[in-house]
Every structure is written in structure tokens, then in C-alpha cells.
Amino acid sequence: MDSDAVNSDLIEPRIGLHLNGEYDIDRGFHNTVIKPFLTAYFREGFEGAAGRYTKLYRDEHPAERTRADEVFSADFIRAFQVEFGLTPDEAVDGLAELMDLAVEFQNVVVETTLGDLKTRLSKTRGLSSEACEAFIRTFGIFHRPAWDKPPPGFRMKDIIP
């Protein structure tokens, strides 16, 4: 900051050094321009956020869920499905089911079996068995027998950049 002020000819390039390593420099520009600007900038952001604070805790349920095809292009949805093996809507449904499980268990850490999860995803959310498998494969984290060897389908550069 001080270097920028000196190089921009905003303050005199005069520095007072102290034995303890500290220094003094003209802070006039900082005190009259920078500090008031930053104070006003952050106050405006803070007051804006404070004004919207009550919206965070409203219990609103949309009348109807927005589908992915109402938000994303067909090309994006196709690319998502090719990459992950399920649609964005199926991914949202799977994540919603995980959140429902957490609420049901009253814990952010949910212990369940893959079989139970697949059953819930298919019965509650209507996911096909292929979409269930793709959801678990995409969002699951599984144990590897060896930390220094990539699992099947991956290369060494996937785990060691």
C-alpha cells in the first residue's frame, strides 16, 4: 500500500525508520481517501446484507419446482448427463433425498447402506436403477485399497498431478 502511494506520487517518499523495525510514512492519502472509501463501501454491503437477513429464515416453499430445462440449455443438460450418467434434475432429487435423510436422522452425518439409499432414491424420488447407480458413483466417496494406486478407470496423474 505504501509503495503504491509513493509510486503514484500520492505521498512524499519520506520514511522514518525506528530501531525496532517499524517505520513511519505519510498516511494522509490513506486517511483522507482510502479509509473513508473502504469504510463506506463495507458499510453499504453490511447494511444491505443486514436488510436481507430476515429473508434467510423465512419458511417458504415454492409452489412448483423449477426444472433444469427451464434454467439450463439442452446442450448443458446433455453434457451433464453424458458426464455423470444422470440428469441435473435427478442429481437435485438425489441430494434432496440425502437432506431429507439428515433431517429424519436429526444429524448432518447419515449412516445408511447403499441398498437402503438406492431403495429410497427409487421409491421416494422415482430415480431409475441406472440413475441411482450414477448418483452414488458421482457423489459417493469410496475407500481405496491403496492410497498411492488409482482405482480402476483412473490414471496415476488423476491422484498425483
N, C-alpha and C. Protein backbone atom coordinates (compact mmCIF):
# COMPACT_ATOMS: atom_id res chain seq x y z
N MET A 1 0.83 -1.18 0.00
CA MET A 1 0.00 0.00 0.00
C MET A 1 0.88 1.25 0.00
N ASP A 2 1.88 1.26 0.88
CA ASP A 2 2.76 2.43 0.94
C ASP A 2 3.56 2.60 -0.34
N SER A 3 4.02 1.48 -0.89
CA SER A 3 4.79 1.53 -2.12
C SER A 3 3.93 2.09 -3.26
N ASP A 4 2.68 1.64 -3.35
CA ASP A 4 1.78 2.15 -4.38
C ASP A 4 1.56 3.65 -4.22
N ALA A 5 1.40 4.10 -2.99
CA ALA A 5 1.18 5.53 -2.75
C ALA A 5 2.39 6.34 -3.17
N VAL A 6 3.59 5.85 -2.87
CA VAL A 6 4.82 6.56 -3.26
C VAL A 6 4.97 6.55 -4.77
N ASN A 7 4.80 5.38 -5.39
CA ASN A 7 4.98 5.25 -6.84
C ASN A 7 3.94 6.00 -7.63
N SER A 8 2.80 6.26 -7.05
CA SER A 8 1.75 7.01 -7.73
C SER A 8 1.80 8.50 -7.39
N ASP A 9 2.86 8.93 -6.71
CA ASP A 9 3.04 10.33 -6.31
C ASP A 9 1.88 10.86 -5.48
N LEU A 10 1.33 10.01 -4.63
CA LEU A 10 0.24 10.43 -3.76
C LEU A 10 0.76 10.90 -2.41
N ILE A 11 1.98 10.48 -2.05
CA ILE A 11 2.61 10.93 -0.80
C ILE A 11 4.09 11.20 -1.08
N GLU A 12 4.71 11.94 -0.20
CA GLU A 12 6.15 12.19 -0.30
C GLU A 12 6.90 10.91 0.01
N PRO A 13 7.94 10.61 -0.74
CA PRO A 13 8.70 9.39 -0.47
C PRO A 13 9.68 9.57 0.70
N ARG A 14 9.14 9.82 1.85
CA ARG A 14 9.94 10.05 3.05
C ARG A 14 9.54 9.02 4.10
N ILE A 15 10.51 8.22 4.56
CA ILE A 15 10.25 7.16 5.52
C ILE A 15 11.08 7.40 6.77
N GLY A 16 10.45 7.27 7.92
CA GLY A 16 11.16 7.35 9.20
C GLY A 16 11.31 5.95 9.76
N LEU A 17 12.55 5.50 9.96
CA LEU A 17 12.81 4.15 10.46
C LEU A 17 13.05 4.18 11.97
N HIS A 18 12.61 3.13 12.65
CA HIS A 18 12.79 3.00 14.09
C HIS A 18 13.68 1.79 14.37
N LEU A 19 14.33 1.79 15.51
CA LEU A 19 15.24 0.70 15.87
C LEU A 19 14.52 -0.65 15.98
N ASN A 20 13.24 -0.66 16.31
CA ASN A 20 12.52 -1.93 16.45
C ASN A 20 12.00 -2.47 15.11
N GLY A 21 12.34 -1.82 14.01
CA GLY A 21 11.95 -2.29 12.69
C GLY A 21 10.71 -1.65 12.13
N GLU A 22 9.99 -0.90 12.92
CA GLU A 22 8.81 -0.21 12.41
C GLU A 22 9.23 1.02 11.63
N TYR A 23 8.29 1.55 10.88
CA TYR A 23 8.58 2.76 10.11
C TYR A 23 7.38 3.69 10.13
N ASP A 24 7.64 4.94 9.86
CA ASP A 24 6.60 5.96 9.73
C ASP A 24 6.61 6.45 8.29
N ILE A 25 5.43 6.69 7.78
CA ILE A 25 5.30 7.25 6.44
C ILE A 25 4.02 8.08 6.43
N ASP A 26 3.94 9.03 5.55
CA ASP A 26 2.77 9.90 5.46
C ASP A 26 1.53 9.05 5.14
N ARG A 27 0.56 9.08 6.02
CA ARG A 27 -0.68 8.33 5.83
C ARG A 27 -1.85 9.26 5.45
N GLY A 28 -1.53 10.47 5.05
CA GLY A 28 -2.57 11.44 4.73
C GLY A 28 -3.53 10.96 3.67
N PHE A 29 -3.01 10.43 2.54
CA PHE A 29 -3.88 9.97 1.46
C PHE A 29 -4.73 8.79 1.93
N HIS A 30 -4.11 7.89 2.65
CA HIS A 30 -4.84 6.73 3.16
C HIS A 30 -5.97 7.17 4.09
N ASN A 31 -5.66 8.10 4.99
CA ASN A 31 -6.65 8.53 5.99
C ASN A 31 -7.76 9.38 5.40
N THR A 32 -7.46 10.15 4.34
CA THR A 32 -8.48 11.06 3.80
C THR A 32 -9.24 10.48 2.60
N VAL A 33 -8.65 9.49 1.90
CA VAL A 33 -9.32 8.95 0.70
C VAL A 33 -9.62 7.45 0.85
N ILE A 34 -8.60 6.65 1.04
CA ILE A 34 -8.76 5.19 1.05
C ILE A 34 -9.64 4.72 2.21
N LYS A 35 -9.31 5.12 3.41
CA LYS A 35 -10.05 4.65 4.59
C LYS A 35 -11.53 5.05 4.54
N PRO A 36 -11.86 6.31 4.24
CA PRO A 36 -13.30 6.64 4.14
C PRO A 36 -14.02 5.86 3.03
N PHE A 37 -13.33 5.65 1.90
CA PHE A 37 -13.94 4.88 0.81
C PHE A 37 -14.24 3.46 1.26
N LEU A 38 -13.23 2.78 1.84
CA LEU A 38 -13.43 1.40 2.29
C LEU A 38 -14.48 1.31 3.38
N THR A 39 -14.49 2.25 4.29
CA THR A 39 -15.49 2.26 5.36
C THR A 39 -16.89 2.35 4.78
N ALA A 40 -17.09 3.28 3.84
CA ALA A 40 -18.41 3.44 3.22
C ALA A 40 -18.78 2.21 2.39
N TYR A 41 -17.81 1.67 1.67
CA TYR A 41 -18.06 0.50 0.82
C TYR A 41 -18.52 -0.69 1.66
N PHE A 42 -17.79 -0.99 2.73
CA PHE A 42 -18.15 -2.13 3.57
C PHE A 42 -19.42 -1.87 4.37
N ARG A 43 -19.66 -0.62 4.78
CA ARG A 43 -20.89 -0.29 5.48
C ARG A 43 -22.09 -0.54 4.57
N GLU A 44 -21.97 -0.12 3.32
CA GLU A 44 -23.06 -0.31 2.37
C GLU A 44 -23.36 -1.80 2.18
N GLY A 45 -22.32 -2.60 2.03
CA GLY A 45 -22.52 -4.05 1.89
C GLY A 45 -23.11 -4.67 3.13
N PHE A 46 -22.62 -4.25 4.29
CA PHE A 46 -23.11 -4.79 5.56
C PHE A 46 -24.58 -4.43 5.77
N GLU A 47 -24.92 -3.16 5.55
CA GLU A 47 -26.30 -2.74 5.75
C GLU A 47 -27.24 -3.41 4.76
N GLY A 48 -26.76 -3.62 3.54
CA GLY A 48 -27.58 -4.34 2.56
C GLY A 48 -27.83 -5.77 2.99
N ALA A 49 -26.78 -6.43 3.46
CA ALA A 49 -26.93 -7.81 3.94
C ALA A 49 -27.83 -7.86 5.17
N ALA A 50 -27.66 -6.90 6.08
CA ALA A 50 -28.49 -6.87 7.29
C ALA A 50 -29.95 -6.68 6.93
N GLY A 51 -30.22 -5.88 5.90
CA GLY A 51 -31.59 -5.66 5.48
C GLY A 51 -32.23 -6.90 4.89
N ARG A 52 -31.43 -7.79 4.32
CA ARG A 52 -31.95 -9.03 3.72
C ARG A 52 -31.89 -10.21 4.69
N TYR A 53 -31.43 -10.00 5.89
CA TYR A 53 -31.18 -11.08 6.84
C TYR A 53 -32.45 -11.90 7.14
N THR A 54 -33.56 -11.23 7.31
CA THR A 54 -34.79 -11.96 7.66
C THR A 54 -35.24 -12.90 6.55
N LYS A 55 -34.86 -12.62 5.30
CA LYS A 55 -35.22 -13.50 4.20
C LYS A 55 -34.57 -14.87 4.32
N LEU A 56 -33.44 -14.94 5.01
CA LEU A 56 -32.74 -16.21 5.14
C LEU A 56 -33.54 -17.24 5.93
N TYR A 57 -34.40 -16.77 6.81
CA TYR A 57 -35.07 -17.68 7.73
C TYR A 57 -36.57 -17.78 7.50
N ARG A 58 -37.03 -17.31 6.38
CA ARG A 58 -38.44 -17.47 6.05
C ARG A 58 -38.68 -18.90 5.62
N ASP A 59 -39.77 -19.44 6.04
CA ASP A 59 -40.11 -20.81 5.67
C ASP A 59 -40.96 -20.77 4.41
N GLU A 60 -40.29 -20.61 3.29
CA GLU A 60 -41.00 -20.51 2.02
C GLU A 60 -40.85 -21.80 1.23
N HIS A 61 -41.91 -22.26 0.72
CA HIS A 61 -41.87 -23.42 -0.16
C HIS A 61 -42.43 -22.99 -1.51
N PRO A 62 -41.63 -23.09 -2.54
CA PRO A 62 -42.13 -22.68 -3.85
C PRO A 62 -43.34 -23.53 -4.25
N ALA A 63 -44.25 -22.92 -4.92
CA ALA A 63 -45.46 -23.62 -5.34
C ALA A 63 -45.09 -24.78 -6.28
N GLU A 64 -44.09 -24.56 -7.11
CA GLU A 64 -43.69 -25.57 -8.05
C GLU A 64 -42.18 -25.54 -8.21
N ARG A 65 -41.60 -26.69 -8.36
CA ARG A 65 -40.15 -26.77 -8.51
C ARG A 65 -39.74 -26.34 -9.92
N THR A 66 -38.65 -25.60 -10.00
CA THR A 66 -38.10 -25.20 -11.30
C THR A 66 -37.31 -26.37 -11.86
N ARG A 67 -37.61 -26.77 -13.06
CA ARG A 67 -36.90 -27.88 -13.71
C ARG A 67 -35.61 -27.36 -14.36
N ALA A 68 -34.67 -28.24 -14.53
CA ALA A 68 -33.38 -27.87 -15.12
C ALA A 68 -33.55 -27.30 -16.52
N ASP A 69 -34.49 -27.84 -17.30
CA ASP A 69 -34.65 -27.35 -18.67
C ASP A 69 -35.26 -25.95 -18.73
N GLU A 70 -35.74 -25.45 -17.59
CA GLU A 70 -36.22 -24.07 -17.52
C GLU A 70 -35.07 -23.10 -17.23
N VAL A 71 -33.94 -23.64 -16.79
CA VAL A 71 -32.80 -22.82 -16.39
C VAL A 71 -31.61 -23.01 -17.33
N PHE A 72 -31.35 -24.25 -17.70
CA PHE A 72 -30.16 -24.59 -18.49
C PHE A 72 -30.52 -24.94 -19.92
N SER A 73 -29.54 -24.78 -20.79
CA SER A 73 -29.75 -25.12 -22.20
C SER A 73 -29.78 -26.63 -22.37
N ALA A 74 -30.35 -27.07 -23.47
CA ALA A 74 -30.39 -28.50 -23.78
C ALA A 74 -28.98 -29.06 -23.93
N ASP A 75 -28.06 -28.25 -24.47
CA ASP A 75 -26.67 -28.70 -24.61
C ASP A 75 -26.04 -28.96 -23.25
N PHE A 76 -26.30 -28.07 -22.30
CA PHE A 76 -25.74 -28.26 -20.95
C PHE A 76 -26.31 -29.53 -20.31
N ILE A 77 -27.61 -29.72 -20.41
CA ILE A 77 -28.25 -30.90 -19.80
C ILE A 77 -27.70 -32.18 -20.43
N ARG A 78 -27.54 -32.17 -21.76
CA ARG A 78 -26.99 -33.34 -22.46
C ARG A 78 -25.56 -33.60 -22.00
N ALA A 79 -24.74 -32.55 -21.90
CA ALA A 79 -23.35 -32.71 -21.46
C ALA A 79 -23.29 -33.22 -20.01
N PHE A 80 -24.16 -32.71 -19.15
CA PHE A 80 -24.23 -33.15 -17.76
C PHE A 80 -24.55 -34.64 -17.69
N GLN A 81 -25.53 -35.04 -18.50
CA GLN A 81 -25.95 -36.44 -18.49
C GLN A 81 -24.86 -37.36 -19.03
N VAL A 82 -24.16 -36.92 -20.06
CA VAL A 82 -23.07 -37.73 -20.60
C VAL A 82 -21.94 -37.85 -19.57
N GLU A 83 -21.63 -36.75 -18.90
CA GLU A 83 -20.54 -36.74 -17.92
C GLU A 83 -20.86 -37.56 -16.67
N PHE A 84 -22.07 -37.41 -16.14
CA PHE A 84 -22.38 -38.01 -14.84
C PHE A 84 -23.33 -39.20 -14.89
N GLY A 85 -24.00 -39.41 -16.01
CA GLY A 85 -24.90 -40.56 -16.13
C GLY A 85 -26.29 -40.32 -15.56
N LEU A 86 -26.60 -39.09 -15.20
CA LEU A 86 -27.93 -38.73 -14.73
C LEU A 86 -28.18 -37.28 -15.08
N THR A 87 -29.44 -36.89 -15.06
CA THR A 87 -29.78 -35.52 -15.43
C THR A 87 -29.55 -34.59 -14.24
N PRO A 88 -29.48 -33.29 -14.49
CA PRO A 88 -29.39 -32.36 -13.36
C PRO A 88 -30.58 -32.49 -12.40
N ASP A 89 -31.77 -32.74 -12.93
CA ASP A 89 -32.94 -32.92 -12.07
C ASP A 89 -32.79 -34.16 -11.18
N GLU A 90 -32.24 -35.23 -11.72
CA GLU A 90 -32.03 -36.44 -10.92
C GLU A 90 -30.97 -36.19 -9.85
N ALA A 91 -29.95 -35.41 -10.19
CA ALA A 91 -28.92 -35.07 -9.19
C ALA A 91 -29.53 -34.26 -8.05
N VAL A 92 -30.38 -33.29 -8.40
CA VAL A 92 -31.05 -32.47 -7.38
C VAL A 92 -31.95 -33.35 -6.52
N ASP A 93 -32.69 -34.27 -7.15
CA ASP A 93 -33.56 -35.17 -6.39
C ASP A 93 -32.74 -36.04 -5.43
N GLY A 94 -31.61 -36.53 -5.89
CA GLY A 94 -30.76 -37.35 -5.02
C GLY A 94 -30.24 -36.56 -3.84
N LEU A 95 -29.78 -35.34 -4.09
CA LEU A 95 -29.28 -34.50 -2.99
C LEU A 95 -30.40 -34.13 -2.04
N ALA A 96 -31.60 -33.89 -2.57
CA ALA A 96 -32.75 -33.59 -1.71
C ALA A 96 -33.08 -34.78 -0.82
N GLU A 97 -32.95 -35.97 -1.36
CA GLU A 97 -33.22 -37.17 -0.55
C GLU A 97 -32.19 -37.32 0.56
N LEU A 98 -30.94 -37.01 0.26
CA LEU A 98 -29.91 -37.04 1.31
C LEU A 98 -30.21 -36.02 2.40
N MET A 99 -30.68 -34.84 2.01
CA MET A 99 -31.05 -33.83 3.01
C MET A 99 -32.24 -34.31 3.85
N ASP A 100 -33.20 -34.93 3.19
CA ASP A 100 -34.35 -35.46 3.93
C ASP A 100 -33.90 -36.53 4.93
N LEU A 101 -32.95 -37.36 4.52
CA LEU A 101 -32.40 -38.36 5.44
C LEU A 101 -31.75 -37.70 6.65
N ALA A 102 -30.99 -36.65 6.42
CA ALA A 102 -30.33 -35.94 7.52
C ALA A 102 -31.36 -35.35 8.48
N VAL A 103 -32.44 -34.80 7.94
CA VAL A 103 -33.50 -34.25 8.79
C VAL A 103 -34.16 -35.39 9.57
N GLU A 104 -34.43 -36.48 8.89
CA GLU A 104 -35.07 -37.63 9.54
C GLU A 104 -34.19 -38.19 10.67
N PHE A 105 -32.89 -38.26 10.45
CA PHE A 105 -31.96 -38.78 11.46
C PHE A 105 -31.55 -37.70 12.46
N GLN A 106 -31.95 -36.46 12.19
CA GLN A 106 -31.59 -35.32 13.02
C GLN A 106 -30.09 -35.23 13.22
N ASN A 107 -29.36 -35.39 12.11
CA ASN A 107 -27.91 -35.35 12.15
C ASN A 107 -27.39 -35.04 10.75
N VAL A 108 -26.31 -34.29 10.67
CA VAL A 108 -25.74 -33.99 9.36
C VAL A 108 -24.94 -35.18 8.82
N VAL A 109 -24.58 -36.09 9.71
CA VAL A 109 -23.89 -37.31 9.29
C VAL A 109 -24.92 -38.43 9.28
N VAL A 110 -25.12 -39.00 8.10
CA VAL A 110 -26.13 -40.04 7.95
C VAL A 110 -25.44 -41.36 7.63
N GLU A 111 -25.76 -42.36 8.43
CA GLU A 111 -25.24 -43.71 8.15
C GLU A 111 -26.38 -44.54 7.59
N THR A 112 -26.15 -45.10 6.43
CA THR A 112 -27.14 -45.96 5.79
C THR A 112 -26.39 -46.93 4.89
N THR A 113 -27.10 -47.87 4.33
CA THR A 113 -26.47 -48.80 3.41
C THR A 113 -26.74 -48.33 1.98
N LEU A 114 -25.92 -48.81 1.06
CA LEU A 114 -26.16 -48.47 -0.34
C LEU A 114 -27.52 -48.99 -0.79
N GLY A 115 -27.88 -50.17 -0.31
CA GLY A 115 -29.18 -50.75 -0.67
C GLY A 115 -30.33 -49.88 -0.21
N ASP A 116 -30.27 -49.42 1.04
CA ASP A 116 -31.33 -48.56 1.56
C ASP A 116 -31.39 -47.24 0.81
N LEU A 117 -30.22 -46.68 0.49
CA LEU A 117 -30.19 -45.42 -0.23
C LEU A 117 -30.78 -45.59 -1.63
N LYS A 118 -30.40 -46.66 -2.32
CA LYS A 118 -30.95 -46.91 -3.65
C LYS A 118 -32.46 -47.09 -3.59
N THR A 119 -32.93 -47.81 -2.57
CA THR A 119 -34.38 -48.01 -2.42
C THR A 119 -35.10 -46.68 -2.22
N ARG A 120 -34.54 -45.85 -1.36
CA ARG A 120 -35.16 -44.54 -1.11
C ARG A 120 -35.15 -43.68 -2.38
N LEU A 121 -34.01 -43.67 -3.08
CA LEU A 121 -33.91 -42.85 -4.29
C LEU A 121 -34.92 -43.30 -5.34
N SER A 122 -35.12 -44.60 -5.46
CA SER A 122 -36.06 -45.08 -6.48
C SER A 122 -37.51 -44.92 -6.03
N LYS A 123 -37.82 -45.26 -4.78
CA LYS A 123 -39.22 -45.17 -4.32
C LYS A 123 -39.66 -43.74 -4.06
N THR A 124 -38.84 -42.97 -3.33
CA THR A 124 -39.25 -41.62 -2.94
C THR A 124 -39.08 -40.62 -4.06
N ARG A 125 -37.99 -40.75 -4.81
CA ARG A 125 -37.67 -39.74 -5.84
C ARG A 125 -37.90 -40.22 -7.26
N GLY A 126 -38.20 -41.51 -7.43
CA GLY A 126 -38.50 -42.02 -8.77
C GLY A 126 -37.30 -42.19 -9.68
N LEU A 127 -36.10 -42.30 -9.10
CA LEU A 127 -34.91 -42.49 -9.93
C LEU A 127 -34.83 -43.93 -10.42
N SER A 128 -34.42 -44.11 -11.67
CA SER A 128 -34.21 -45.45 -12.21
C SER A 128 -33.01 -46.08 -11.53
N SER A 129 -32.86 -47.38 -11.67
CA SER A 129 -31.70 -48.04 -11.04
C SER A 129 -30.39 -47.50 -11.63
N GLU A 130 -30.40 -47.16 -12.94
CA GLU A 130 -29.19 -46.60 -13.56
C GLU A 130 -28.89 -45.22 -12.98
N ALA A 131 -29.92 -44.40 -12.78
CA ALA A 131 -29.72 -43.06 -12.20
C ALA A 131 -29.25 -43.18 -10.75
N CYS A 132 -29.78 -44.16 -10.00
CA CYS A 132 -29.32 -44.38 -8.62
C CYS A 132 -27.84 -44.71 -8.59
N GLU A 133 -27.44 -45.63 -9.46
CA GLU A 133 -26.02 -46.02 -9.54
C GLU A 133 -25.16 -44.82 -9.92
N ALA A 134 -25.62 -44.04 -10.90
CA ALA A 134 -24.85 -42.88 -11.34
C ALA A 134 -24.76 -41.84 -10.24
N PHE A 135 -25.84 -41.63 -9.48
CA PHE A 135 -25.83 -40.67 -8.37
C PHE A 135 -24.80 -41.09 -7.33
N ILE A 136 -24.82 -42.35 -6.96
CA ILE A 136 -23.89 -42.84 -5.93
C ILE A 136 -22.45 -42.78 -6.44
N ARG A 137 -22.25 -43.13 -7.70
CA ARG A 137 -20.91 -43.07 -8.28
C ARG A 137 -20.39 -41.62 -8.35
N THR A 138 -21.29 -40.69 -8.67
CA THR A 138 -20.90 -39.29 -8.82
C THR A 138 -20.66 -38.60 -7.48
N PHE A 139 -21.52 -38.84 -6.51
CA PHE A 139 -21.45 -38.10 -5.25
C PHE A 139 -20.88 -38.91 -4.09
N GLY A 140 -20.62 -40.18 -4.33
CA GLY A 140 -20.08 -41.03 -3.25
C GLY A 140 -18.57 -40.95 -3.19
N ILE A 141 -18.06 -41.17 -2.01
CA ILE A 141 -16.61 -41.26 -1.80
C ILE A 141 -16.35 -42.64 -1.22
N PHE A 142 -15.57 -43.42 -1.92
CA PHE A 142 -15.36 -44.80 -1.51
C PHE A 142 -13.90 -45.05 -1.13
N HIS A 143 -13.73 -46.00 -0.25
CA HIS A 143 -12.41 -46.39 0.22
C HIS A 143 -11.62 -47.02 -0.93
N ARG A 144 -10.33 -46.63 -1.02
CA ARG A 144 -9.43 -47.26 -1.97
C ARG A 144 -8.53 -48.21 -1.20
N PRO A 145 -8.27 -49.38 -1.71
CA PRO A 145 -7.40 -50.31 -1.01
C PRO A 145 -6.00 -49.74 -0.76
N ALA A 146 -5.51 -48.93 -1.69
CA ALA A 146 -4.18 -48.34 -1.52
C ALA A 146 -4.26 -46.87 -1.90
N TRP A 147 -3.75 -46.00 -1.04
CA TRP A 147 -3.84 -44.56 -1.28
C TRP A 147 -3.00 -44.13 -2.47
N ASP A 148 -1.92 -44.87 -2.76
CA ASP A 148 -0.98 -44.46 -3.81
C ASP A 148 -1.21 -45.16 -5.15
N LYS A 149 -2.32 -45.88 -5.28
CA LYS A 149 -2.65 -46.53 -6.54
C LYS A 149 -4.07 -46.12 -6.96
N PRO A 150 -4.20 -45.63 -8.18
CA PRO A 150 -5.55 -45.19 -8.60
C PRO A 150 -6.49 -46.37 -8.77
N PRO A 151 -7.77 -46.16 -8.50
CA PRO A 151 -8.74 -47.23 -8.71
C PRO A 151 -8.93 -47.50 -10.19
N PRO A 152 -9.56 -48.61 -10.54
CA PRO A 152 -9.79 -48.93 -11.96
C PRO A 152 -10.51 -47.78 -12.67
N GLY A 153 -10.04 -47.49 -13.88
CA GLY A 153 -10.63 -46.43 -14.67
C GLY A 153 -9.93 -45.08 -14.51
N PHE A 154 -8.93 -45.01 -13.60
CA PHE A 154 -8.20 -43.76 -13.37
C PHE A 154 -6.72 -43.98 -13.67
N ARG A 155 -6.01 -42.87 -13.88
CA ARG A 155 -4.58 -42.93 -14.17
C ARG A 155 -3.82 -42.33 -12.99
N MET A 156 -2.51 -42.56 -12.94
CA MET A 156 -1.69 -42.01 -11.85
C MET A 156 -1.82 -40.50 -11.78
N LYS A 157 -1.89 -39.83 -12.93
CA LYS A 157 -1.98 -38.37 -12.90
C LYS A 157 -3.29 -37.87 -12.32
N ASP A 158 -4.29 -38.76 -12.18
CA ASP A 158 -5.54 -38.37 -11.53
C ASP A 158 -5.37 -38.22 -10.02
N ILE A 159 -4.41 -38.94 -9.43
CA ILE A 159 -4.20 -38.84 -7.99
C ILE A 159 -2.89 -38.13 -7.64
N ILE A 160 -1.98 -38.05 -8.60
CA ILE A 160 -0.71 -37.34 -8.39
C ILE A 160 -0.52 -36.38 -9.56
N PRO A 161 -0.99 -35.15 -9.40
CA PRO A 161 -0.94 -34.19 -10.53
C PRO A 161 0.49 -33.91 -11.00
